[in-house]
Amino acid sequence: MDILSQWWQIAQGWFGDIEFAQFLATCLKIAVVLIICFIAIKIGTRVIKMAFSKASTTKNSKRAQTLSTVCCSLWRYLVYFITAMVVMSLLNINIMPVLASAGVAGIAIGFGAQSLVKDVISGFFMLFENYYEVGDYVECAGIKGFVEEVGLRSTKIRDWSGELHICPNGQMMVVTNYSRGDINTIVPIPVSYGGDLSSAMYAIKEVCVEIKEQYAQVTDGPTVLGVGNLEKGQVIVNILFSSALNDKFAIERQLRLRCKEALDRLGMSIPYSYSKVMVDENAAAADNDNMVGGLG
C-alpha cells in the first residue's frame, strides 16, 4: 500500500491539475483508436485484394495485381491520416489550424522535396498509362529484370541473379517492356568453311520443322534466314522465330542443341578457333647455343 501511495503522489506531481482518471480514459481511447486503425488496415487490405482478384481475368490479372498493391498503399496512408487527426482531437489539439496549414506546409515541402514530388507524379502517370505491370520483364534506368512491386514513388525490379533494385519513378526516362507481345529471336548457327553449306542448311531447316511441330509456344517460325555473316573460320547461318519471353530461352537452347546434333550426323563439326605456332629450327638451335655459351 505504501508503494501504491508513493506512485500516486508521483503521478499527481507529473500531471499537476489534470485528473488521473481523465488521463487514463484518454489513454484508453487512444489505444482503442490505434486498435481500430490496425483492424481497418487489415480488413481494408483484404477487401481490396478480394475485389481485384474477382474482377481480374486471365488477360488483366497482372494489371489487377499492380492496382491492388497501389490501392492498398493509398488505403494505409488514408487510415494513418484519419487516425492522427482523431488522436490529436482526443488530446484537445485543435485540428482546424492543422488542416488549414496543410496547404502551406505542402507547398513548402514541395519546394524542398522536388525529387519526391517528381517520383510521385511520374508513378501516377506510369500507372495511369499502364507502362508495365507486376511480373513484366522490363528495362529501365539501366536495369533489366522482372517487376516485383509498383508504387507511386518507386518500382522494385528483380534481375536474373536475384538482386532487388528499387528504382525511383522519376528517373525512368525510357521504359522498355519485353512482356507486351511476342519476342523475335535470331539464333546464329556457326558452320565451318570446309563443310557442304547446302547440306548444312537443309539439316538446319529440318530441325526448324521439328521444333515447330513439338513446341506450340512458337508463334512464328523457326525460319532459316540464310547466311548472316562470314566470320573468321566460320559461316553464320541465322534462324528467326517468335515466341513469348518466358518461352524464348528454352526454345533457343533446343534449337542450338538439335542443330549441333544434326551437323554431327553429317560429319560437320562446329568450327572452333585455334592457334598454329611455327618454329624455326635453325633459330631455335642458335638460341640454345647462346644460352649454353652464356652459362659457360
Protein backbone atom coordinates (compact mmCIF):
# COMPACT_ATOMS: atom_id res chain seq x y z
CA MET A 1 0.00 0.00 0.00
CA ASP A 2 2.87 2.36 0.76
CA ILE A 3 4.30 1.75 -2.70
CA LEU A 4 0.94 2.49 -4.33
CA SER A 5 0.56 5.71 -2.39
CA GLN A 6 4.04 6.77 -3.42
CA TRP A 7 3.27 6.10 -7.10
CA TRP A 8 0.03 8.02 -6.72
CA GLN A 9 1.86 11.02 -5.33
CA ILE A 10 4.42 10.80 -8.15
CA ALA A 11 1.62 10.64 -10.75
CA GLN A 12 -0.06 13.68 -9.19
CA GLY A 13 3.24 15.50 -9.35
CA TRP A 14 3.63 14.65 -13.03
CA PHE A 15 0.15 15.56 -14.16
CA GLY A 16 -0.48 18.52 -11.88
CA ASP A 17 -4.07 19.70 -12.10
CA ILE A 18 -5.09 17.08 -14.67
CA GLU A 19 -7.15 14.39 -13.09
CA PHE A 20 -5.51 10.99 -13.38
CA ALA A 21 -8.77 9.25 -14.19
CA GLN A 22 -9.34 11.60 -17.11
CA PHE A 23 -5.80 10.99 -18.34
CA LEU A 24 -6.27 7.23 -18.07
CA ALA A 25 -9.54 7.44 -20.01
CA THR A 26 -7.80 9.43 -22.75
CA CYS A 27 -5.05 6.82 -22.98
CA LEU A 28 -7.62 4.05 -23.28
CA LYS A 29 -9.44 5.96 -26.03
CA ILE A 30 -6.19 6.41 -27.94
CA ALA A 31 -5.41 2.72 -27.54
CA VAL A 32 -8.86 1.81 -28.89
CA VAL A 33 -8.35 4.18 -31.86
CA LEU A 34 -4.98 2.55 -32.65
CA ILE A 35 -6.52 -0.92 -32.46
CA ILE A 36 -9.34 0.18 -34.79
CA CYS A 37 -6.70 1.63 -37.14
CA PHE A 38 -4.85 -1.71 -37.23
CA ILE A 39 -8.08 -3.66 -37.82
CA ALA A 40 -9.23 -1.21 -40.52
CA ILE A 41 -5.95 -1.60 -42.40
CA LYS A 42 -6.13 -5.39 -42.27
CA ILE A 43 -9.79 -5.57 -43.32
CA GLY A 44 -9.44 -2.89 -45.99
CA THR A 45 -6.37 -4.57 -47.50
CA ARG A 46 -8.15 -7.92 -47.62
CA VAL A 47 -11.28 -6.41 -49.19
CA ILE A 48 -9.23 -4.59 -51.85
CA LYS A 49 -7.31 -7.75 -52.76
CA MET A 50 -10.52 -9.81 -52.93
CA ALA A 51 -12.23 -7.18 -55.08
CA PHE A 52 -9.38 -7.05 -57.59
CA SER A 53 -9.00 -10.84 -57.63
CA LYS A 54 -12.69 -11.26 -58.51
CA ALA A 55 -12.60 -8.51 -61.12
CA SER A 56 -9.42 -9.77 -62.80
CA THR A 57 -9.38 -12.09 -65.77
CA THR A 58 -6.60 -14.01 -67.46
CA LYS A 59 -5.64 -11.04 -69.62
CA ASN A 60 -5.55 -8.32 -66.97
CA SER A 61 -4.52 -10.35 -63.92
CA LYS A 62 -1.12 -8.64 -63.68
CA ARG A 63 -2.66 -5.19 -64.01
CA ALA A 64 -5.18 -6.05 -61.28
CA GLN A 65 -2.33 -7.14 -59.03
CA THR A 66 -0.48 -3.88 -59.69
CA LEU A 67 -3.52 -1.71 -58.96
CA SER A 68 -4.30 -3.79 -55.88
CA THR A 69 -0.84 -3.03 -54.44
CA VAL A 70 -1.20 0.71 -55.08
CA CYS A 71 -4.74 0.86 -53.65
CA CYS A 72 -3.60 -0.93 -50.50
CA SER A 73 -0.85 1.66 -50.02
CA LEU A 74 -3.30 4.54 -50.52
CA TRP A 75 -5.71 2.95 -48.03
CA ARG A 76 -2.97 2.68 -45.39
CA TYR A 77 -1.99 6.33 -45.82
CA LEU A 78 -5.64 7.43 -45.55
CA VAL A 79 -6.21 5.42 -42.37
CA TYR A 80 -2.98 6.78 -40.86
CA PHE A 81 -4.06 10.36 -41.60
CA ILE A 82 -7.54 9.90 -40.10
CA THR A 83 -6.06 8.18 -37.04
CA ALA A 84 -3.63 11.06 -36.50
CA MET A 85 -6.49 13.57 -36.69
CA VAL A 86 -8.60 11.60 -34.17
CA VAL A 87 -5.69 11.21 -31.74
CA MET A 88 -4.96 14.94 -31.86
CA SER A 89 -8.61 15.73 -31.17
CA LEU A 90 -8.54 13.36 -28.16
CA LEU A 91 -5.53 15.26 -26.88
CA ASN A 92 -7.54 18.51 -27.12
CA ILE A 93 -5.46 19.75 -30.05
CA ASN A 94 -7.45 21.93 -32.43
CA ILE A 95 -7.10 20.19 -35.79
CA MET A 96 -8.62 23.02 -37.86
CA PRO A 97 -5.40 25.08 -37.87
CA VAL A 98 -3.51 21.90 -38.75
CA LEU A 99 -5.77 21.28 -41.74
CA ALA A 100 -5.60 24.92 -42.75
CA SER A 101 -1.80 24.97 -42.60
CA ALA A 102 -1.53 21.69 -44.53
CA GLY A 103 -1.74 23.56 -47.83
CA VAL A 104 1.06 25.96 -46.91
CA ALA A 105 3.16 23.14 -45.48
CA GLY A 106 2.55 21.13 -48.65
CA ILE A 107 3.86 23.96 -50.81
CA ALA A 108 6.94 24.34 -48.60
CA ILE A 109 7.60 20.60 -48.66
CA GLY A 110 7.07 20.60 -52.43
CA PHE A 111 9.85 23.15 -52.93
CA GLY A 112 12.13 21.27 -50.56
CA ALA A 113 11.44 17.81 -51.97
CA GLN A 114 11.09 18.29 -55.70
CA SER A 115 12.56 14.87 -56.47
CA LEU A 116 9.95 13.19 -54.25
CA VAL A 117 7.11 15.09 -55.96
CA LYS A 118 8.59 14.20 -59.35
CA ASP A 119 8.70 10.50 -58.41
CA VAL A 120 5.08 10.51 -57.24
CA ILE A 121 3.78 12.33 -60.34
CA SER A 122 5.78 10.06 -62.65
CA GLY A 123 4.47 6.99 -60.81
CA PHE A 124 0.90 8.20 -61.18
CA PHE A 125 1.21 8.60 -64.94
CA MET A 126 3.01 5.25 -65.26
CA LEU A 127 0.10 3.54 -63.55
CA PHE A 128 -2.50 5.54 -65.45
CA GLU A 129 -0.92 4.83 -68.85
CA ASN A 130 -0.06 1.22 -67.90
CA TYR A 131 3.64 1.26 -68.76
CA TYR A 132 4.21 -2.08 -67.05
CA GLU A 133 2.62 -4.44 -64.58
CA VAL A 134 3.77 -6.79 -61.84
CA GLY A 135 5.53 -9.76 -63.46
CA ASP A 136 6.56 -7.95 -66.65
CA TYR A 137 10.18 -8.15 -67.84
CA VAL A 138 11.35 -4.58 -68.39
CA GLU A 139 14.44 -2.48 -68.90
CA CYS A 140 14.52 0.94 -67.28
CA ALA A 141 17.11 3.16 -65.60
CA GLY A 142 19.82 0.82 -66.93
CA ILE A 143 18.33 -2.23 -65.17
CA LYS A 144 16.76 -5.37 -66.67
CA GLY A 145 14.51 -7.63 -64.66
CA PHE A 146 11.02 -8.63 -63.58
CA VAL A 147 8.74 -6.04 -61.96
CA GLU A 148 8.09 -7.24 -58.43
CA GLU A 149 6.22 -4.28 -56.95
CA VAL A 150 4.86 -1.00 -58.33
CA GLY A 151 4.28 2.06 -56.14
CA LEU A 152 3.64 5.74 -56.62
CA ARG A 153 7.18 6.67 -55.59
CA SER A 154 9.32 3.74 -56.71
CA THR A 155 9.31 0.43 -58.58
CA LYS A 156 11.01 -2.76 -57.38
CA ILE A 157 12.74 -4.81 -60.09
CA ARG A 158 14.44 -8.18 -59.53
CA ASP A 159 17.06 -9.23 -62.09
CA TRP A 160 18.10 -12.73 -63.19
CA SER A 161 20.75 -13.00 -60.47
CA GLY A 162 18.13 -12.41 -57.77
CA GLU A 163 19.20 -8.88 -56.83
CA LEU A 164 16.36 -6.48 -55.99
CA HIS A 165 16.64 -2.98 -57.46
CA ILE A 166 14.48 -0.11 -56.13
CA CYS A 167 14.15 2.49 -58.87
CA PRO A 168 12.60 5.95 -58.25
CA ASN A 169 9.87 6.52 -60.82
CA GLY A 170 11.20 9.99 -61.66
CA GLN A 171 14.45 8.50 -63.01
CA MET A 172 12.76 6.18 -65.51
CA MET A 173 13.07 8.29 -68.63
CA VAL A 174 12.70 5.38 -71.09
CA VAL A 175 10.95 2.10 -70.27
CA THR A 176 11.27 -0.99 -72.49
CA ASN A 177 8.68 -3.67 -71.79
CA TYR A 178 9.59 -7.09 -73.19
CA SER A 179 6.38 -8.76 -71.99
CA ARG A 180 3.97 -6.97 -74.34
CA GLY A 181 3.54 -9.24 -77.34
CA ASP A 182 5.90 -11.83 -78.81
CA ILE A 183 9.67 -11.52 -78.96
CA ASN A 184 11.62 -12.03 -82.20
CA THR A 185 14.80 -14.03 -81.62
CA ILE A 186 17.69 -14.64 -84.01
CA VAL A 187 19.79 -17.73 -83.28
CA PRO A 188 23.19 -17.79 -85.03
CA ILE A 189 24.47 -21.27 -86.00
CA PRO A 190 28.17 -21.45 -86.96
CA VAL A 191 29.15 -23.72 -89.88
CA SER A 192 32.74 -24.42 -90.92
CA TYR A 193 34.02 -23.33 -94.33
CA GLY A 194 35.19 -26.83 -95.14
CA GLY A 195 31.74 -28.43 -94.97
CA ASP A 196 28.92 -28.57 -97.51
CA LEU A 197 26.90 -25.44 -96.77
CA SER A 198 23.84 -26.60 -98.73
CA SER A 199 23.62 -29.87 -96.77
CA ALA A 200 24.10 -27.99 -93.52
CA MET A 201 21.28 -25.54 -94.27
CA TYR A 202 18.98 -28.39 -95.30
CA ALA A 203 19.67 -30.17 -91.99
CA ILE A 204 19.02 -26.94 -90.08
CA LYS A 205 15.69 -26.47 -91.89
CA GLU A 206 14.64 -29.98 -90.86
CA VAL A 207 15.44 -29.11 -87.25
CA CYS A 208 13.27 -25.98 -87.56
CA VAL A 209 10.35 -28.10 -88.78
CA GLU A 210 10.73 -30.44 -85.79
CA ILE A 211 10.82 -27.53 -83.34
CA LYS A 212 7.70 -26.01 -84.91
CA GLU A 213 5.77 -29.29 -84.54
CA GLN A 214 6.87 -30.02 -80.98
CA TYR A 215 6.66 -26.52 -79.44
CA ALA A 216 3.26 -24.86 -79.61
CA GLN A 217 4.79 -21.83 -77.90
CA VAL A 218 6.46 -20.85 -81.20
CA THR A 219 4.07 -18.34 -82.78
CA ASP A 220 6.10 -17.78 -85.95
CA GLY A 221 8.96 -19.76 -87.49
CA PRO A 222 11.56 -21.03 -86.89
CA THR A 223 12.75 -19.86 -90.29
CA VAL A 224 16.24 -20.19 -91.76
CA LEU A 225 17.16 -16.70 -92.96
CA GLY A 226 20.33 -17.85 -94.68
CA VAL A 227 23.94 -16.80 -94.33
CA GLY A 228 24.05 -13.89 -91.93
CA ASN A 229 27.78 -13.25 -91.79
CA LEU A 230 31.16 -14.56 -92.97
CA GLU A 231 33.47 -14.57 -90.00
CA LYS A 232 36.98 -15.75 -89.38
CA GLY A 233 36.89 -19.54 -89.55
CA GLN A 234 33.09 -19.91 -89.77
CA VAL A 235 29.93 -19.12 -91.69
CA ILE A 236 27.00 -17.86 -89.62
CA VAL A 237 23.54 -19.22 -90.54
CA ASN A 238 20.75 -17.27 -88.82
CA ILE A 239 17.43 -18.73 -87.61
CA LEU A 240 14.48 -16.49 -86.75
CA PHE A 241 11.49 -17.41 -84.54
CA SER A 242 8.86 -15.59 -82.47
CA SER A 243 7.55 -16.58 -79.04
CA ALA A 244 6.64 -15.19 -75.65
CA LEU A 245 9.50 -14.01 -73.49
CA ASN A 246 9.13 -16.83 -70.95
CA ASP A 247 9.47 -19.48 -73.70
CA LYS A 248 12.25 -17.80 -75.69
CA PHE A 249 15.25 -19.21 -73.86
CA ALA A 250 14.10 -22.85 -73.76
CA ILE A 251 13.33 -22.85 -77.50
CA GLU A 252 16.64 -21.16 -78.25
CA ARG A 253 18.57 -23.82 -76.31
CA GLN A 254 16.74 -26.64 -78.10
CA LEU A 255 17.50 -25.11 -81.50
CA ARG A 256 21.21 -24.94 -80.76
CA LEU A 257 21.31 -28.47 -79.35
CA ARG A 258 19.47 -30.10 -82.23
CA CYS A 259 21.41 -28.15 -84.87
CA LYS A 260 24.64 -29.34 -83.25
CA GLU A 261 23.40 -32.96 -83.33
CA ALA A 262 22.23 -32.63 -86.97
CA LEU A 263 25.62 -31.25 -88.08
CA ASP A 264 27.40 -34.01 -86.18
CA ARG A 265 25.40 -36.61 -88.10
CA LEU A 266 26.63 -35.00 -91.34
CA GLY A 267 30.20 -35.19 -90.09
CA MET A 268 30.46 -31.42 -89.86
CA SER A 269 31.91 -30.28 -86.56
CA ILE A 270 31.14 -26.90 -85.11
CA PRO A 271 34.10 -24.60 -86.01
CA TYR A 272 36.40 -23.51 -83.23
CA SER A 273 39.36 -21.19 -83.16
CA TYR A 274 42.90 -22.49 -82.70
CA SER A 275 46.43 -21.17 -83.00
CA LYS A 276 49.28 -22.71 -85.00
CA VAL A 277 52.82 -21.94 -83.86
CA MET A 278 55.65 -22.12 -86.49
CA VAL A 279 59.11 -22.77 -85.04
CA ASP A 280 62.33 -22.05 -86.98
CA GLU A 281 64.69 -24.93 -86.05
CA ASN A 282 67.86 -23.04 -87.04
CA ALA A 283 66.88 -20.02 -84.94
CA ALA A 284 66.00 -22.30 -82.03
CA ALA A 285 69.38 -24.07 -82.24
CA ALA A 286 71.19 -20.71 -82.31
CA ASP A 287 69.31 -19.55 -79.24
CA ASN A 288 70.30 -22.74 -77.40
CA ASP A 289 73.98 -22.26 -78.27
CA ASN A 290 73.87 -18.68 -77.00
CA MET A 291 72.26 -19.83 -73.74
CA VAL A 292 74.97 -22.53 -73.25
CA GLY A 293 77.73 -20.02 -74.01
CA GLY A 294 76.32 -17.54 -71.55
CA LEU A 295 76.24 -20.16 -68.81
CA GLY A 296 79.90 -21.11 -69.51
